[in-house]
N, C-alpha and C. Protein backbone atom coordinates (compact mmCIF):
# COMPACT_ATOMS: atom_id res chain seq x y z
N UNK A 1 90.08 101.52 96.81
CA UNK A 1 90.35 99.97 97.44
C UNK A 1 89.13 99.24 97.62
N UNK A 2 88.74 97.86 97.29
CA UNK A 2 87.75 97.02 97.72
C UNK A 2 87.98 96.26 98.40
N UNK A 3 86.65 96.01 99.31
CA UNK A 3 86.58 94.88 100.41
C UNK A 3 87.62 95.70 101.58
N UNK A 4 87.86 96.99 101.81
CA UNK A 4 88.80 97.32 102.26
C UNK A 4 87.85 98.50 103.19
N UNK A 5 88.15 99.46 103.91
CA UNK A 5 88.13 100.73 104.47
C UNK A 5 89.42 101.61 105.03
N UNK A 6 89.28 103.14 104.33
CA UNK A 6 90.55 104.15 104.58
C UNK A 6 90.10 104.99 105.45
N UNK A 7 90.86 105.50 106.47
CA UNK A 7 90.25 106.43 107.76
C UNK A 7 91.16 107.12 107.60
N UNK A 8 91.12 108.34 108.03
CA UNK A 8 91.87 109.75 107.51
C UNK A 8 91.50 110.15 109.22
N UNK A 9 92.81 110.76 109.64
CA UNK A 9 92.86 111.04 111.42
C UNK A 9 93.43 112.33 111.32
N UNK A 10 92.70 113.83 111.67
CA UNK A 10 93.52 114.63 112.05
C UNK A 10 93.44 115.19 113.60
N UNK A 11 94.71 115.23 113.77
CA UNK A 11 94.97 115.58 114.96
C UNK A 11 95.79 117.08 115.34
N UNK A 12 96.58 117.05 116.33
CA UNK A 12 97.56 118.02 116.84
C UNK A 12 98.90 117.60 117.97
N UNK A 13 99.84 117.44 117.59
CA UNK A 13 100.95 116.39 117.64
C UNK A 13 100.93 116.45 119.54
N UNK A 14 101.28 115.55 120.07
CA UNK A 14 101.22 115.25 121.23
C UNK A 14 99.56 115.15 121.88
N UNK A 15 98.69 114.68 120.82
CA UNK A 15 97.41 114.38 121.41
C UNK A 15 97.47 112.46 121.09
N UNK A 16 97.86 112.44 120.26
CA UNK A 16 97.62 110.59 120.30
C UNK A 16 96.84 110.11 118.45
N UNK A 17 96.62 111.04 117.78
CA UNK A 17 95.88 110.77 117.09
C UNK A 17 97.12 109.58 115.93
N UNK A 18 98.46 109.74 115.81
CA UNK A 18 99.13 109.06 114.89
C UNK A 18 99.45 107.58 116.31
N UNK A 19 99.38 107.52 117.48
CA UNK A 19 99.58 106.47 118.04
C UNK A 19 98.31 105.61 117.75
N UNK A 20 96.96 106.27 117.75
CA UNK A 20 95.67 105.66 117.46
C UNK A 20 95.26 104.81 116.31
N UNK A 21 96.22 105.60 115.49
CA UNK A 21 95.96 104.81 114.00
C UNK A 21 97.01 103.96 113.95
N UNK A 22 97.91 103.94 114.61
CA UNK A 22 99.12 102.45 114.76
C UNK A 22 98.34 101.52 115.53
N UNK A 23 98.06 101.70 116.20
CA UNK A 23 97.30 100.93 117.18
C UNK A 23 95.77 99.85 116.48
N UNK A 24 94.78 101.24 115.86
CA UNK A 24 94.24 100.37 115.54
C UNK A 24 94.63 99.56 114.21
N UNK A 25 96.22 99.54 113.90
CA UNK A 25 96.44 99.07 112.66
C UNK A 25 97.27 97.73 113.01
N UNK A 26 97.58 97.99 114.27
CA UNK A 26 97.79 96.53 115.24
C UNK A 26 96.86 95.57 115.14
N UNK A 27 95.86 96.09 116.07
CA UNK A 27 94.72 95.47 116.45
C UNK A 27 93.94 94.89 115.22
N UNK A 28 94.13 95.57 114.48
CA UNK A 28 93.39 94.80 113.06
C UNK A 28 94.00 93.72 112.68
N UNK A 29 95.19 93.77 112.42
CA UNK A 29 96.43 92.77 112.32
C UNK A 29 96.13 91.84 113.15
N UNK A 30 96.26 91.56 114.08
CA UNK A 30 95.83 91.03 115.31
C UNK A 30 94.57 89.72 114.64
N UNK A 31 93.63 90.54 113.89
CA UNK A 31 92.47 89.71 113.58
C UNK A 31 92.23 88.69 112.38
N UNK A 32 93.28 89.27 111.65
CA UNK A 32 93.48 88.89 110.38
C UNK A 32 93.50 89.57 109.21
N UNK A 33 93.28 90.61 109.21
CA UNK A 33 93.34 91.78 108.51
C UNK A 33 94.59 91.82 107.81
N UNK A 34 94.35 92.36 106.59
CA UNK A 34 95.68 93.60 105.92
C UNK A 34 95.48 94.76 106.48
N UNK A 35 96.57 95.21 106.62
CA UNK A 35 96.47 96.53 106.94
C UNK A 35 97.35 97.70 106.94
N UNK A 36 97.48 98.93 106.97
CA UNK A 36 98.37 99.99 107.19
C UNK A 36 97.95 100.95 108.02
N UNK A 37 99.06 101.54 108.16
CA UNK A 37 98.87 102.80 109.43
C UNK A 37 100.10 103.43 109.36
N UNK A 38 100.19 104.89 109.16
CA UNK A 38 101.07 105.93 109.12
C UNK A 38 100.42 106.67 109.23
N UNK A 39 101.56 108.09 110.03
CA UNK A 39 101.33 109.38 109.80
C UNK A 39 101.67 110.28 108.25
N UNK A 40 101.27 111.16 108.12
CA UNK A 40 102.00 112.04 107.09
C UNK A 40 102.68 112.92 107.71
N UNK A 41 103.64 112.67 107.13
CA UNK A 41 105.10 113.38 107.98
C UNK A 41 105.60 114.74 107.73
N UNK A 42 105.83 115.59 108.61
CA UNK A 42 105.85 117.16 108.31
C UNK A 42 106.44 117.71 109.77
N UNK A 43 106.39 118.89 109.54
CA UNK A 43 106.93 119.57 111.50
C UNK A 43 105.97 118.61 112.57
N UNK A 44 106.50 117.90 113.17
CA UNK A 44 105.99 117.09 113.91
C UNK A 44 105.78 117.59 115.57
N UNK A 45 106.23 119.22 115.48
CA UNK A 45 105.93 119.51 117.01
C UNK A 45 104.58 119.61 117.71
N UNK A 46 105.01 119.47 118.74
CA UNK A 46 103.70 119.84 120.02
C UNK A 46 102.75 120.97 119.38
N UNK A 47 101.77 120.44 119.45
CA UNK A 47 100.53 121.30 118.92
C UNK A 47 100.17 121.43 117.80
N UNK A 48 101.55 120.96 116.39
CA UNK A 48 100.87 121.67 114.92
C UNK A 48 100.37 120.50 114.67
N UNK A 49 99.44 120.79 113.63
CA UNK A 49 98.45 120.19 112.75
C UNK A 49 98.99 119.00 112.17
N UNK A 50 98.45 117.43 112.27
CA UNK A 50 98.93 116.47 112.18
C UNK A 50 98.24 115.71 111.58
N UNK A 51 98.30 114.66 110.75
CA UNK A 51 96.77 113.64 109.70
C UNK A 51 97.89 112.35 109.79
N UNK A 52 97.26 111.16 110.04
CA UNK A 52 97.53 109.78 109.58
C UNK A 52 96.72 108.75 109.57
N UNK A 53 96.72 107.98 108.95
CA UNK A 53 95.88 107.22 108.05
C UNK A 53 95.68 105.54 108.28
N UNK A 54 94.74 105.03 108.13
CA UNK A 54 94.56 103.33 108.32
C UNK A 54 93.62 103.05 106.90
N UNK A 55 94.23 101.78 106.20
CA UNK A 55 93.67 101.04 105.39
C UNK A 55 93.40 99.57 106.20
N UNK A 56 92.76 99.41 106.09
CA UNK A 56 91.96 97.47 106.78
C UNK A 56 91.42 97.17 105.61
N UNK A 57 91.88 96.05 104.84
CA UNK A 57 91.08 95.32 104.58
C UNK A 57 91.14 93.61 104.00
N UNK A 58 90.31 93.07 104.38
CA UNK A 58 90.69 91.50 104.17
C UNK A 58 91.51 91.29 103.05
N UNK A 59 91.13 91.93 101.84
CA UNK A 59 92.17 91.18 100.79
C UNK A 59 93.86 92.15 101.04
N UNK A 60 94.60 91.61 100.09
CA UNK A 60 95.96 92.46 100.38
C UNK A 60 96.34 93.73 99.91
N UNK A 61 96.28 94.80 100.45
CA UNK A 61 96.86 96.24 99.95
C UNK A 61 97.57 96.48 98.80
N UNK A 62 97.29 96.68 97.83
CA UNK A 62 98.71 96.95 97.49
C UNK A 62 98.91 99.00 96.55
N UNK A 63 98.08 99.59 97.08
CA UNK A 63 98.22 101.14 97.19
C UNK A 63 99.01 101.62 98.50
N UNK A 64 99.80 101.99 98.20
CA UNK A 64 101.30 103.28 99.20
C UNK A 64 100.70 104.82 98.67
N UNK A 65 100.26 104.84 99.05
CA UNK A 65 99.91 106.51 99.22
C UNK A 65 99.10 107.07 100.24
N UNK A 66 98.95 108.50 100.39
CA UNK A 66 98.25 108.65 101.52
C UNK A 66 96.67 108.51 100.73
N UNK A 67 96.16 109.21 101.66
CA UNK A 67 94.18 109.08 101.79
C UNK A 67 93.65 110.07 101.27
N UNK A 68 93.21 110.47 99.96
CA UNK A 68 92.16 111.29 99.80
C UNK A 68 90.64 111.17 99.51
N UNK A 69 90.50 110.01 99.43
CA UNK A 69 89.24 110.17 99.74
C UNK A 69 88.62 109.05 100.68
N UNK A 70 89.24 109.19 102.17
CA UNK A 70 88.67 108.31 103.12
C UNK A 70 86.97 108.13 103.27
N UNK A 71 87.04 106.48 103.48
CA UNK A 71 85.86 105.99 104.38
C UNK A 71 85.13 107.21 105.15
N UNK A 72 86.11 107.51 106.05
CA UNK A 72 85.98 107.95 107.67
C UNK A 72 86.93 108.48 107.79
N UNK A 73 86.57 109.79 108.88
CA UNK A 73 87.47 110.88 109.27
C UNK A 73 87.55 110.83 110.34
N UNK A 74 88.46 110.92 111.29
CA UNK A 74 88.57 111.48 112.84
C UNK A 74 89.24 112.10 113.46
N UNK A 75 88.30 113.61 113.86
CA UNK A 75 88.89 114.71 114.45
C UNK A 75 88.78 114.48 115.89
N UNK A 76 90.62 114.61 116.28
CA UNK A 76 90.58 114.49 117.80
C UNK A 76 91.00 115.72 118.38
N UNK A 77 90.94 116.96 117.50
CA UNK A 77 90.83 118.54 117.99
C UNK A 77 89.88 119.21 117.07
N UNK A 78 88.90 119.68 117.77
CA UNK A 78 87.80 120.30 117.04
C UNK A 78 88.30 121.88 117.15
N UNK A 79 89.16 121.80 116.89
CA UNK A 79 90.04 123.15 117.28
C UNK A 79 90.46 123.58 115.24
N UNK A 80 90.44 122.36 114.70
CA UNK A 80 91.24 122.13 113.68
C UNK A 80 90.17 122.41 113.07
N UNK A 81 88.66 122.47 112.99
CA UNK A 81 87.67 122.52 112.11
C UNK A 81 87.77 124.04 111.21
N UNK A 82 88.49 124.94 112.20
CA UNK A 82 88.42 126.52 111.37
C UNK A 82 89.56 126.92 110.61
N UNK A 83 90.43 125.10 110.21
CA UNK A 83 92.14 125.74 109.57
C UNK A 83 92.37 125.05 108.62
N UNK A 84 91.30 123.20 109.02
CA UNK A 84 91.73 122.15 108.67
C UNK A 84 90.80 121.90 107.75
N UNK A 85 90.50 121.57 106.02
CA UNK A 85 88.95 121.26 105.18
C UNK A 85 88.97 119.49 105.75
N UNK A 86 88.64 119.40 106.82
CA UNK A 86 88.42 117.70 107.29
C UNK A 86 87.80 117.04 106.79
N UNK A 87 86.98 117.44 105.45
CA UNK A 87 85.88 116.62 105.05
C UNK A 87 86.28 116.23 103.72
N UNK A 88 87.47 117.31 103.30
CA UNK A 88 87.68 117.18 102.04
C UNK A 88 88.37 115.25 101.64
N UNK A 89 87.19 115.31 100.39
CA UNK A 89 87.36 114.17 99.57
C UNK A 89 86.73 113.17 100.61
N UNK A 90 85.97 113.54 101.77
CA UNK A 90 85.39 112.28 102.67
C UNK A 90 83.93 111.85 101.96
N UNK A 91 83.79 110.11 101.99
CA UNK A 91 82.74 109.75 100.69
C UNK A 91 81.65 109.94 102.17
N UNK A 92 80.57 110.55 101.41
CA UNK A 92 79.52 110.85 101.61
C UNK A 92 78.38 109.41 102.79
N UNK A 93 79.05 108.21 102.40
CA UNK A 93 78.66 106.92 102.45
C UNK A 93 79.49 106.79 103.55
N UNK A 94 80.34 107.49 104.33
CA UNK A 94 81.44 107.17 105.58
C UNK A 94 80.67 108.16 106.80
N UNK A 95 81.59 108.65 107.17
CA UNK A 95 81.23 109.55 108.66
C UNK A 95 81.97 110.16 109.08
N UNK A 96 81.88 111.29 109.96
CA UNK A 96 83.18 111.88 110.49
C UNK A 96 82.82 112.06 112.03
N UNK A 97 83.71 111.74 112.31
CA UNK A 97 83.54 111.68 114.27
C UNK A 97 84.44 113.16 114.56
N UNK A 98 84.14 113.51 115.10
CA UNK A 98 84.43 114.75 116.23
C UNK A 98 84.84 114.67 117.45
N UNK A 99 86.01 114.66 117.86
CA UNK A 99 86.21 114.85 119.67
C UNK A 99 85.29 116.40 120.13
N UNK A 100 84.49 116.49 120.67
CA UNK A 100 83.65 117.95 121.02
C UNK A 100 82.65 117.42 122.42
N UNK A 101 82.63 118.25 123.19
CA UNK A 101 81.64 118.50 123.91
C UNK A 101 80.35 118.99 123.49
N UNK A 102 80.32 119.56 122.06
CA UNK A 102 78.88 120.68 121.14
C UNK A 102 78.10 119.13 120.56
N UNK A 103 76.73 119.78 120.42
CA UNK A 103 76.72 118.78 119.62
C UNK A 103 76.14 118.75 118.03
N UNK A 104 76.06 117.65 117.57
CA UNK A 104 75.68 117.00 116.21
C UNK A 104 75.75 118.43 115.35
N UNK A 105 74.64 119.01 115.75
CA UNK A 105 74.04 120.52 114.61
C UNK A 105 74.94 121.49 115.00
N UNK A 106 75.54 121.36 115.72
CA UNK A 106 76.86 122.74 116.37
C UNK A 106 77.73 122.18 115.19
N UNK A 107 78.21 120.91 115.75
CA UNK A 107 79.42 120.76 114.68
C UNK A 107 79.00 120.92 112.77
N UNK A 108 77.78 120.13 112.46
CA UNK A 108 77.99 120.56 111.14
C UNK A 108 77.61 121.68 110.58
N UNK A 109 77.81 122.37 111.18
CA UNK A 109 77.80 124.01 110.62
C UNK A 109 79.41 124.12 110.44
N UNK A 110 80.47 123.57 110.92
CA UNK A 110 81.75 123.60 110.14
C UNK A 110 82.06 122.92 109.36
N UNK A 111 81.46 121.68 108.64
CA UNK A 111 81.60 120.80 107.87
C UNK A 111 81.86 120.99 106.39
N UNK A 112 81.54 122.35 106.05
CA UNK A 112 81.69 122.17 104.51
C UNK A 112 80.13 122.07 103.62
N UNK A 113 79.43 121.54 104.46
CA UNK A 113 78.27 121.19 103.61
C UNK A 113 78.07 119.61 103.66
N UNK A 114 79.27 119.26 104.49
CA UNK A 114 79.41 117.62 103.98
C UNK A 114 77.85 116.97 104.85
N UNK A 115 77.53 115.61 104.10
CA UNK A 115 75.59 115.42 104.00
C UNK A 115 76.25 114.02 104.65
N UNK A 116 76.96 113.18 104.97
CA UNK A 116 77.30 111.65 105.44
C UNK A 116 76.79 111.83 106.97
N UNK A 117 76.78 110.57 107.45
CA UNK A 117 76.90 111.22 109.28
C UNK A 117 78.09 111.76 109.40
N UNK A 118 77.12 112.12 110.54
CA UNK A 118 78.56 113.03 112.01
C UNK A 118 78.30 112.85 113.08
N UNK A 119 79.62 112.58 113.79
CA UNK A 119 78.96 111.79 115.10
C UNK A 119 79.82 112.84 115.71
N UNK A 120 79.59 113.31 117.00
CA UNK A 120 80.49 113.76 118.17
C UNK A 120 80.60 113.11 119.30
N UNK A 121 81.87 112.96 120.01
CA UNK A 121 81.68 112.74 121.10
C UNK A 121 83.01 113.19 122.29
N UNK A 122 82.68 113.40 123.50
CA UNK A 122 83.02 114.29 124.63
C UNK A 122 84.51 113.36 125.03
N UNK A 123 85.69 112.93 124.28
CA UNK A 123 86.57 112.22 124.27
C UNK A 123 87.66 112.56 125.80
N UNK A 124 87.61 114.32 125.69
CA UNK A 124 87.69 114.48 127.02
C UNK A 124 87.64 114.44 127.79
N UNK A 125 86.27 114.95 128.42
CA UNK A 125 85.23 114.28 129.41
C UNK A 125 85.56 112.73 130.16
N UNK A 126 85.38 111.79 128.66
CA UNK A 126 85.81 110.15 128.84
C UNK A 126 87.05 109.78 129.23
N UNK A 127 88.20 110.53 129.58
CA UNK A 127 89.62 110.33 129.42
C UNK A 127 89.85 110.70 130.83
N UNK A 128 89.02 112.02 131.17
CA UNK A 128 89.05 112.93 132.43
C UNK A 128 88.41 111.67 133.15
N UNK A 129 87.63 111.18 133.32
CA UNK A 129 87.08 109.93 134.37
C UNK A 129 87.28 108.44 134.47
N UNK A 130 87.36 108.18 132.83
CA UNK A 130 88.62 106.70 133.39
C UNK A 130 89.58 107.24 133.32
N UNK A 131 90.50 107.98 132.89
CA UNK A 131 91.97 107.99 133.69
C UNK A 131 92.54 109.04 134.51
N UNK A 132 91.43 110.32 134.38
CA UNK A 132 92.24 111.54 135.42
C UNK A 132 93.20 112.14 134.31
N UNK A 133 93.38 112.43 133.36
CA UNK A 133 93.81 112.74 132.40
C UNK A 133 93.28 113.17 130.86
N UNK A 134 93.72 114.13 130.30
CA UNK A 134 93.38 114.13 129.26
C UNK A 134 94.20 113.78 128.47
N UNK A 135 93.89 112.14 127.91
CA UNK A 135 94.12 111.41 127.05
C UNK A 135 93.26 111.30 125.81
N UNK A 136 92.94 111.86 125.03
CA UNK A 136 91.98 111.10 124.01
C UNK A 136 91.69 110.18 123.09
N UNK A 137 92.67 109.45 123.05
CA UNK A 137 93.06 108.92 121.83
C UNK A 137 92.42 107.39 121.98
N UNK A 138 92.26 106.95 123.40
CA UNK A 138 92.13 106.02 123.86
C UNK A 138 90.31 106.02 122.78
N UNK A 139 89.72 106.98 123.60
CA UNK A 139 87.98 106.87 123.27
C UNK A 139 87.74 107.28 122.04
N UNK A 140 88.69 107.78 121.17
CA UNK A 140 88.14 108.32 120.29
C UNK A 140 88.72 106.84 119.08
N UNK A 141 89.75 106.09 119.58
CA UNK A 141 90.04 104.93 118.95
C UNK A 141 88.34 104.06 118.73
N UNK A 142 88.01 103.98 120.23
CA UNK A 142 86.99 103.16 120.49
C UNK A 142 86.00 103.63 119.51
N UNK A 143 85.78 104.74 119.23
CA UNK A 143 85.01 106.19 118.74
C UNK A 143 84.70 105.25 117.48
N UNK A 144 85.91 105.44 116.80
CA UNK A 144 86.40 104.76 115.20
C UNK A 144 85.67 103.41 115.20
N UNK A 145 86.52 102.27 115.75
CA UNK A 145 86.21 101.24 115.75
C UNK A 145 84.24 100.76 115.64
N UNK A 146 83.57 101.43 116.72
CA UNK A 146 82.10 101.40 116.69
C UNK A 146 81.65 102.24 115.70
N UNK A 147 81.87 103.37 115.16
CA UNK A 147 81.54 103.69 113.89
C UNK A 147 81.77 103.17 112.65
N UNK A 148 82.56 102.70 112.79
CA UNK A 148 83.03 102.20 110.82
C UNK A 148 83.15 100.78 111.29
N UNK A 149 82.58 99.93 112.72
CA UNK A 149 82.40 98.83 112.42
C UNK A 149 83.49 97.90 111.28
N UNK A 150 84.50 98.07 111.98
CA UNK A 150 85.94 97.47 111.23
C UNK A 150 85.94 96.20 111.97
N UNK A 151 85.81 95.64 113.23
CA UNK A 151 86.16 94.74 114.08
C UNK A 151 84.81 94.37 114.67
N UNK A 152 84.40 93.22 115.61
CA UNK A 152 83.24 93.37 116.88
C UNK A 152 84.11 94.09 117.81
N UNK A 153 82.50 94.36 118.74
CA UNK A 153 83.27 95.09 119.86
C UNK A 153 84.46 94.40 120.81
N UNK A 154 83.69 93.13 120.96
CA UNK A 154 84.61 92.18 121.92
C UNK A 154 85.68 91.94 121.03
N UNK A 155 85.94 91.55 120.05
CA UNK A 155 87.09 91.36 119.55
C UNK A 155 88.44 92.30 120.04
N UNK A 156 87.66 93.49 119.63
CA UNK A 156 88.33 94.96 119.50
C UNK A 156 89.11 94.90 120.96
N UNK A 157 88.08 94.63 122.10
CA UNK A 157 87.88 95.02 123.57
C UNK A 157 89.21 94.17 123.88
N UNK A 158 89.31 92.68 123.41
CA UNK A 158 89.52 91.71 124.70
C UNK A 158 91.44 91.96 123.51
N UNK A 159 91.44 92.47 122.21
CA UNK A 159 93.10 92.32 121.94
C UNK A 159 93.82 93.71 122.58
N UNK A 160 92.28 95.20 123.03
CA UNK A 160 93.08 95.82 123.18
C UNK A 160 93.61 95.58 124.80
N UNK A 161 92.80 94.40 125.57
CA UNK A 161 93.35 94.60 126.79
C UNK A 161 94.79 93.54 126.86
N UNK A 162 94.41 93.08 125.83
CA UNK A 162 96.27 92.02 125.35
C UNK A 162 97.78 93.17 125.20
N UNK A 163 96.77 94.21 124.63
CA UNK A 163 98.05 95.31 124.18
C UNK A 163 98.48 95.69 125.54
N UNK A 164 97.26 96.30 125.65
CA UNK A 164 97.92 97.17 127.42
C UNK A 164 98.62 96.51 128.69
N UNK A 165 97.93 95.37 128.46
CA UNK A 165 98.79 94.58 129.70
C UNK A 165 100.00 94.02 129.28
N UNK A 166 100.35 93.98 128.56
CA UNK A 166 101.82 94.07 127.55
C UNK A 166 102.50 95.55 127.69
N UNK A 167 101.86 96.38 127.33
CA UNK A 167 102.62 97.58 127.20
C UNK A 167 102.69 98.16 128.91
N UNK A 168 101.70 98.20 129.36
CA UNK A 168 101.82 98.60 131.21
C UNK A 168 101.37 97.64 132.01
N UNK A 169 102.05 96.39 131.90
CA UNK A 169 102.29 95.27 132.74
C UNK A 169 102.95 95.61 134.58
N UNK A 170 103.23 96.88 134.41
CA UNK A 170 103.24 97.00 135.90
C UNK A 170 102.59 98.61 136.34
N UNK A 171 101.76 98.74 135.20
CA UNK A 171 100.97 100.02 135.80
C UNK A 171 99.54 99.54 135.60
N UNK A 172 98.91 98.56 136.70
CA UNK A 172 97.47 97.96 136.19
C UNK A 172 96.52 99.10 136.33
N UNK A 173 96.60 100.13 137.27
CA UNK A 173 96.08 101.57 137.17
C UNK A 173 95.60 102.12 135.59
N UNK A 174 96.66 102.00 135.06
CA UNK A 174 96.49 102.69 133.47
C UNK A 174 95.66 101.14 132.22
N UNK A 175 96.06 100.56 133.02
CA UNK A 175 95.00 99.13 132.03
C UNK A 175 93.46 99.11 132.12
N UNK A 176 93.08 99.38 133.44
CA UNK A 176 91.90 99.56 133.81
C UNK A 176 91.26 101.11 132.97
N UNK A 177 92.14 101.91 133.57
CA UNK A 177 91.59 103.21 133.20
C UNK A 177 91.46 103.28 131.50
N UNK A 178 92.27 103.20 130.46
CA UNK A 178 92.23 102.60 129.41
C UNK A 178 91.05 101.92 128.83
N UNK A 179 90.80 100.74 129.76
CA UNK A 179 90.07 99.88 129.26
C UNK A 179 88.58 100.37 129.52
N UNK A 180 88.40 101.12 130.87
CA UNK A 180 87.04 101.90 130.96
C UNK A 180 86.72 102.91 129.74
N UNK A 181 88.07 103.82 129.42
CA UNK A 181 87.47 104.30 128.54
C UNK A 181 87.30 104.15 127.00
N UNK A 182 87.90 103.00 126.62
CA UNK A 182 87.24 102.27 125.52
C UNK A 182 85.70 101.79 125.57
N UNK A 183 85.24 101.33 126.76
CA UNK A 183 83.99 100.94 127.17
C UNK A 183 82.82 101.96 127.15
N UNK A 184 83.43 103.21 127.59
CA UNK A 184 82.92 104.45 127.85
C UNK A 184 82.55 104.88 126.14
N UNK A 185 83.10 104.86 125.88
CA UNK A 185 83.17 105.47 124.37
C UNK A 185 82.45 104.74 123.79
N UNK A 186 82.62 102.86 123.41
CA UNK A 186 80.88 102.21 122.91
C UNK A 186 79.79 102.63 123.22
N UNK A 187 79.75 102.63 124.74
CA UNK A 187 78.40 103.28 125.16
C UNK A 187 77.71 104.45 124.75
N UNK A 188 78.77 105.21 125.31
CA UNK A 188 78.17 106.39 124.47
C UNK A 188 77.71 106.90 122.85
N UNK A 189 78.28 106.50 122.04
CA UNK A 189 77.91 105.97 120.97
C UNK A 189 77.03 105.08 120.21
N UNK A 190 76.82 104.30 121.21
CA UNK A 190 75.72 103.33 120.62
C UNK A 190 74.38 103.48 120.67
N UNK A 191 73.82 104.48 121.08
CA UNK A 191 72.42 104.49 120.74
C UNK A 191 72.52 106.01 119.67
N UNK A 192 73.38 106.74 119.42
CA UNK A 192 73.52 107.48 118.20
C UNK A 192 73.49 106.77 116.91
N UNK A 193 74.70 105.99 117.15
CA UNK A 193 75.08 104.94 115.78
C UNK A 193 73.55 104.01 115.51
N UNK A 194 72.80 103.36 116.24
CA UNK A 194 71.62 102.76 115.87
C UNK A 194 70.55 103.99 115.28
N UNK A 195 70.42 104.79 116.15
CA UNK A 195 69.20 105.94 115.29
C UNK A 195 69.37 106.86 113.99
N UNK A 196 71.19 106.81 113.55
CA UNK A 196 71.80 106.84 112.21
C UNK A 196 71.45 106.17 111.56
N UNK A 197 71.48 104.40 111.68
CA UNK A 197 71.63 103.82 110.86
C UNK A 197 69.82 103.73 110.36
N UNK A 198 69.53 104.21 111.31
CA UNK A 198 67.51 103.94 111.27
C UNK A 198 67.17 104.75 110.78
N UNK A 199 68.06 106.21 110.39
CA UNK A 199 67.52 107.38 108.86
C UNK A 199 67.79 106.56 107.86
N UNK A 200 69.30 105.88 107.68
CA UNK A 200 69.48 105.82 106.22
C UNK A 200 68.72 104.73 106.07
N UNK A 201 67.95 104.11 106.37
CA UNK A 201 67.18 103.21 105.83
C UNK A 201 65.53 103.12 105.66
N UNK A 202 65.47 104.59 106.70
CA UNK A 202 64.06 105.08 106.09
C UNK A 202 63.19 104.86 104.86
């Protein structure tokens, strides 16, 4: 697919990976891009591995299949690294983002020799601090936008606030908590993204 990016999400049922993919599609659409956001249907019971996908492009998207060679992979649950080949088809020019408290070096051992960029973010810690509950999808959504640069941070934050205000109109604390989680995720990754960019150009 030219002039666009493809993203594959790996998570478990109930963790919000599918919701994050659909939210990303919705926000990207509102910024004027052509989008797809869809799950790979299967046994979607709580805790079962699930996969979801995004295509985002300035051009009309004419492909309607699963994504086999993504630009970015997002792993919402690190326990999947031992049972799912999350780097399958992942382009070395892209990146993988893993929700974990472990370091990048510790995670790289489980990525089947993947040579592209690797980012880790403790979405559970961010979610607990911002929301008081473990909802990793908001931090992972922000991390995906930050790493992929699919849209400017300010535009993303603005559209997400509008979305949350519509969805949680009677729960301002939920709106504030989710917005805090998004901002914290961007702040968490800012230095690492800049560092890895410099490594690529060195």
